[in-house]
Amino acid sequence: MGLFNKTLLIEMVLERAEMKKLRFKVEGMHCTSCALLIDEELEETKGIRQSKTNYARQVSEVEFDEQQVNEVKIRSIISQIGYKAQAIKP
Protein backbone atom coordinates (compact mmCIF):
# COMPACT_ATOMS: atom_id res chain seq x y z
CA MET A 1 0.00 0.00 0.00
CA GLY A 2 1.47 3.34 -1.04
CA LEU A 3 1.91 6.35 1.21
CA PHE A 4 -1.04 8.13 -0.39
CA ASN A 5 -3.36 5.18 0.27
CA LYS A 6 -2.18 4.87 3.89
CA THR A 7 -2.76 8.57 4.46
CA LEU A 8 -6.23 8.37 2.91
CA LEU A 9 -7.09 5.33 5.03
CA ILE A 10 -5.95 7.10 8.22
CA GLU A 11 -8.03 10.16 7.32
CA MET A 12 -11.10 7.99 6.74
CA VAL A 13 -10.67 6.21 10.08
CA LEU A 14 -10.25 9.51 11.93
CA GLU A 15 -13.28 11.00 10.18
CA ARG A 16 -15.38 7.99 11.16
CA ALA A 17 -14.20 8.24 14.80
CA GLU A 18 -15.42 11.84 15.05
CA MET A 19 -18.93 11.00 13.86
CA LYS A 20 -21.82 10.75 16.28
CA LYS A 21 -25.12 8.97 15.73
CA LEU A 22 -28.43 10.08 17.20
CA ARG A 23 -31.96 8.82 16.72
CA PHE A 24 -34.92 11.17 16.61
CA LYS A 25 -38.63 10.47 17.03
CA VAL A 26 -40.28 12.41 14.19
CA GLU A 27 -43.91 13.48 14.32
CA GLY A 28 -46.00 14.68 11.40
CA MET A 29 -44.86 12.38 8.60
CA HIS A 30 -47.76 11.20 6.41
CA CYS A 31 -45.95 9.02 3.86
CA THR A 32 -42.57 7.74 2.69
CA SER A 33 -42.07 10.94 0.68
CA CYS A 34 -41.98 12.83 3.98
CA ALA A 35 -39.14 10.58 5.15
CA LEU A 36 -37.25 11.13 1.91
CA LEU A 37 -37.66 14.90 2.23
CA ILE A 38 -36.21 14.82 5.76
CA ASP A 39 -33.22 12.77 4.57
CA GLU A 40 -32.58 15.08 1.63
CA GLU A 41 -32.71 18.22 3.78
CA LEU A 42 -30.47 16.79 6.47
CA GLU A 43 -27.90 15.35 4.07
CA GLU A 44 -27.54 18.75 2.37
CA THR A 45 -26.35 20.17 5.69
CA LYS A 46 -22.61 20.51 6.23
CA GLY A 47 -21.48 18.08 8.90
CA ILE A 48 -24.28 15.56 8.41
CA ARG A 49 -22.86 12.42 6.85
CA GLN A 50 -26.02 10.34 6.59
CA SER A 51 -29.69 10.39 7.50
CA LYS A 52 -31.96 7.36 7.44
CA THR A 53 -35.59 8.18 8.16
CA ASN A 54 -38.13 5.39 8.51
CA TYR A 55 -41.74 6.45 7.95
CA ALA A 56 -43.23 3.28 9.47
CA ARG A 57 -41.25 3.65 12.70
CA GLN A 58 -41.42 7.48 12.66
CA VAL A 59 -37.69 7.55 13.46
CA SER A 60 -34.73 9.29 11.87
CA GLU A 61 -31.17 8.07 12.48
CA VAL A 62 -28.58 10.76 11.80
CA GLU A 63 -24.80 10.39 11.63
CA PHE A 64 -22.99 13.71 11.99
CA ASP A 65 -19.81 15.53 12.97
CA GLU A 66 -20.30 17.28 16.31
CA GLN A 67 -17.67 19.84 15.34
CA GLN A 68 -19.96 21.12 12.58
CA VAL A 69 -23.55 20.45 13.65
CA ASN A 70 -25.40 19.48 16.83
CA GLU A 71 -28.69 18.02 18.04
CA VAL A 72 -30.37 21.42 18.27
CA LYS A 73 -29.48 22.26 14.66
CA ILE A 74 -30.75 18.88 13.43
CA ARG A 75 -34.09 19.36 15.25
CA SER A 76 -34.30 22.88 13.81
CA ILE A 77 -33.82 21.63 10.23
CA ILE A 78 -36.54 19.02 10.70
CA SER A 79 -38.83 21.64 12.24
CA GLN A 80 -38.27 24.10 9.38
CA ILE A 81 -39.72 21.63 6.90
CA GLY A 82 -42.82 21.01 9.00
CA TYR A 83 -42.10 18.12 11.34
CA LYS A 84 -41.41 17.81 15.06
CA ALA A 85 -38.34 15.89 16.20
CA GLN A 86 -37.18 14.83 19.64
CA ALA A 87 -33.92 13.01 20.32
CA ILE A 88 -34.33 9.47 21.59
CA LYS A 89 -31.99 9.12 24.53
CA PRO A 90 -30.10 5.83 24.77
C-alpha atoms as a PDB file:
ATOM      1  CA  MET A   1       0.000   0.000   0.000  1.00  0.00           C
ATOM      2  CA  GLY A   2       1.470   3.341  -1.044  1.00  0.00           C
ATOM      3  CA  LEU A   3       1.914   6.348   1.211  1.00  0.00           C
ATOM      4  CA  PHE A   4      -1.040   8.134  -0.394  1.00  0.00           C
ATOM      5  CA  ASN A   5      -3.356   5.182   0.272  1.00  0.00           C
ATOM      6  CA  LYS A   6      -2.179   4.866   3.888  1.00  0.00           C
ATOM      7  CA  THR A   7      -2.761   8.572   4.461  1.00  0.00           C
ATOM      8  CA  LEU A   8      -6.227   8.365   2.915  1.00  0.00           C
ATOM      9  CA  LEU A   9      -7.086   5.332   5.035  1.00  0.00           C
ATOM     10  CA  ILE A  10      -5.953   7.102   8.225  1.00  0.00           C
ATOM     11  CA  GLU A  11      -8.029  10.161   7.324  1.00  0.00           C
ATOM     12  CA  MET A  12     -11.097   7.985   6.737  1.00  0.00           C
ATOM     13  CA  VAL A  13     -10.666   6.210  10.079  1.00  0.00           C
ATOM     14  CA  LEU A  14     -10.254   9.508  11.931  1.00  0.00           C
ATOM     15  CA  GLU A  15     -13.280  10.996  10.185  1.00  0.00           C
ATOM     16  CA  ARG A  16     -15.377   7.992  11.162  1.00  0.00           C
ATOM     17  CA  ALA A  17     -14.200   8.242  14.798  1.00  0.00           C
ATOM     18  CA  GLU A  18     -15.423  11.843  15.054  1.00  0.00           C
ATOM     19  CA  MET A  19     -18.928  11.005  13.858  1.00  0.00           C
ATOM     20  CA  LYS A  20     -21.817  10.749  16.283  1.00  0.00           C
ATOM     21  CA  LYS A  21     -25.125   8.975  15.734  1.00  0.00           C
ATOM     22  CA  LEU A  22     -28.434  10.076  17.198  1.00  0.00           C
ATOM     23  CA  ARG A  23     -31.963   8.823  16.716  1.00  0.00           C
ATOM     24  CA  PHE A  24     -34.921  11.174  16.609  1.00  0.00           C
ATOM     25  CA  LYS A  25     -38.628  10.470  17.025  1.00  0.00           C
ATOM     26  CA  VAL A  26     -40.281  12.407  14.192  1.00  0.00           C
ATOM     27  CA  GLU A  27     -43.914  13.482  14.321  1.00  0.00           C
ATOM     28  CA  GLY A  28     -46.002  14.679  11.396  1.00  0.00           C
ATOM     29  CA  MET A  29     -44.863  12.377   8.596  1.00  0.00           C
ATOM     30  CA  HIS A  30     -47.762  11.195   6.414  1.00  0.00           C
ATOM     31  CA  CYS A  31     -45.952   9.025   3.865  1.00  0.00           C
ATOM     32  CA  THR A  32     -42.573   7.745   2.685  1.00  0.00           C
ATOM     33  CA  SER A  33     -42.066  10.941   0.680  1.00  0.00           C
ATOM     34  CA  CYS A  34     -41.978  12.825   3.983  1.00  0.00           C
ATOM     35  CA  ALA A  35     -39.144  10.577   5.155  1.00  0.00           C
ATOM     36  CA  LEU A  36     -37.251  11.129   1.906  1.00  0.00           C
ATOM     37  CA  LEU A  37     -37.659  14.903   2.232  1.00  0.00           C
ATOM     38  CA  ILE A  38     -36.206  14.823   5.756  1.00  0.00           C
ATOM     39  CA  ASP A  39     -33.220  12.769   4.572  1.00  0.00           C
ATOM     40  CA  GLU A  40     -32.584  15.083   1.626  1.00  0.00           C
ATOM     41  CA  GLU A  41     -32.715  18.221   3.779  1.00  0.00           C
ATOM     42  CA  LEU A  42     -30.465  16.790   6.473  1.00  0.00           C
ATOM     43  CA  GLU A  43     -27.901  15.348   4.070  1.00  0.00           C
ATOM     44  CA  GLU A  44     -27.542  18.747   2.367  1.00  0.00           C
ATOM     45  CA  THR A  45     -26.352  20.173   5.691  1.00  0.00           C
ATOM     46  CA  LYS A  46     -22.606  20.513   6.225  1.00  0.00           C
ATOM     47  CA  GLY A  47     -21.479  18.080   8.898  1.00  0.00           C
ATOM     48  CA  ILE A  48     -24.281  15.559   8.410  1.00  0.00           C
ATOM     49  CA  ARG A  49     -22.863  12.425   6.855  1.00  0.00           C
ATOM     50  CA  GLN A  50     -26.016  10.340   6.593  1.00  0.00           C
ATOM     51  CA  SER A  51     -29.690  10.387   7.502  1.00  0.00           C
ATOM     52  CA  LYS A  52     -31.964   7.358   7.439  1.00  0.00           C
ATOM     53  CA  THR A  53     -35.591   8.182   8.164  1.00  0.00           C
ATOM     54  CA  ASN A  54     -38.127   5.393   8.514  1.00  0.00           C
ATOM     55  CA  TYR A  55     -41.738   6.453   7.953  1.00  0.00           C
ATOM     56  CA  ALA A  56     -43.232   3.280   9.471  1.00  0.00           C
ATOM     57  CA  ARG A  57     -41.251   3.649  12.697  1.00  0.00           C
ATOM     58  CA  GLN A  58     -41.416   7.479  12.664  1.00  0.00           C
ATOM     59  CA  VAL A  59     -37.691   7.550  13.458  1.00  0.00           C
ATOM     60  CA  SER A  60     -34.730   9.289  11.867  1.00  0.00           C
ATOM     61  CA  GLU A  61     -31.173   8.070  12.482  1.00  0.00           C
ATOM     62  CA  VAL A  62     -28.578  10.756  11.805  1.00  0.00           C
ATOM     63  CA  GLU A  63     -24.799  10.393  11.629  1.00  0.00           C
ATOM     64  CA  PHE A  64     -22.989  13.707  11.989  1.00  0.00           C
ATOM     65  CA  ASP A  65     -19.809  15.529  12.970  1.00  0.00           C
ATOM     66  CA  GLU A  66     -20.305  17.281  16.310  1.00  0.00           C
ATOM     67  CA  GLN A  67     -17.674  19.839  15.338  1.00  0.00           C
ATOM     68  CA  GLN A  68     -19.958  21.121  12.581  1.00  0.00           C
ATOM     69  CA  VAL A  69     -23.550  20.454  13.646  1.00  0.00           C
ATOM     70  CA  ASN A  70     -25.396  19.477  16.830  1.00  0.00           C
ATOM     71  CA  GLU A  71     -28.692  18.021  18.037  1.00  0.00           C
ATOM     72  CA  VAL A  72     -30.371  21.421  18.270  1.00  0.00           C
ATOM     73  CA  LYS A  73     -29.476  22.259  14.658  1.00  0.00           C
ATOM     74  CA  ILE A  74     -30.755  18.883  13.431  1.00  0.00           C
ATOM     75  CA  ARG A  75     -34.085  19.362  15.245  1.00  0.00           C
ATOM     76  CA  SER A  76     -34.300  22.881  13.814  1.00  0.00           C
ATOM     77  CA  ILE A  77     -33.822  21.632  10.235  1.00  0.00           C
ATOM     78  CA  ILE A  78     -36.543  19.023  10.695  1.00  0.00           C
ATOM     79  CA  SER A  79     -38.833  21.642  12.241  1.00  0.00           C
ATOM     80  CA  GLN A  80     -38.268  24.104   9.382  1.00  0.00           C
ATOM     81  CA  ILE A  81     -39.715  21.626   6.904  1.00  0.00           C
ATOM     82  CA  GLY A  82     -42.821  21.009   9.004  1.00  0.00           C
ATOM     83  CA  TYR A  83     -42.102  18.117  11.345  1.00  0.00           C
ATOM     84  CA  LYS A  84     -41.407  17.807  15.056  1.00  0.00           C
ATOM     85  CA  ALA A  85     -38.340  15.890  16.204  1.00  0.00           C
ATOM     86  CA  GLN A  86     -37.184  14.827  19.638  1.00  0.00           C
ATOM     87  CA  ALA A  87     -33.916  13.010  20.315  1.00  0.00           C
ATOM     88  CA  ILE A  88     -34.327   9.467  21.588  1.00  0.00           C
ATOM     89  CA  LYS A  89     -31.989   9.122  24.529  1.00  0.00           C
ATOM     90  CA  PRO A  90     -30.102   5.828  24.770  1.00  0.00           C
END
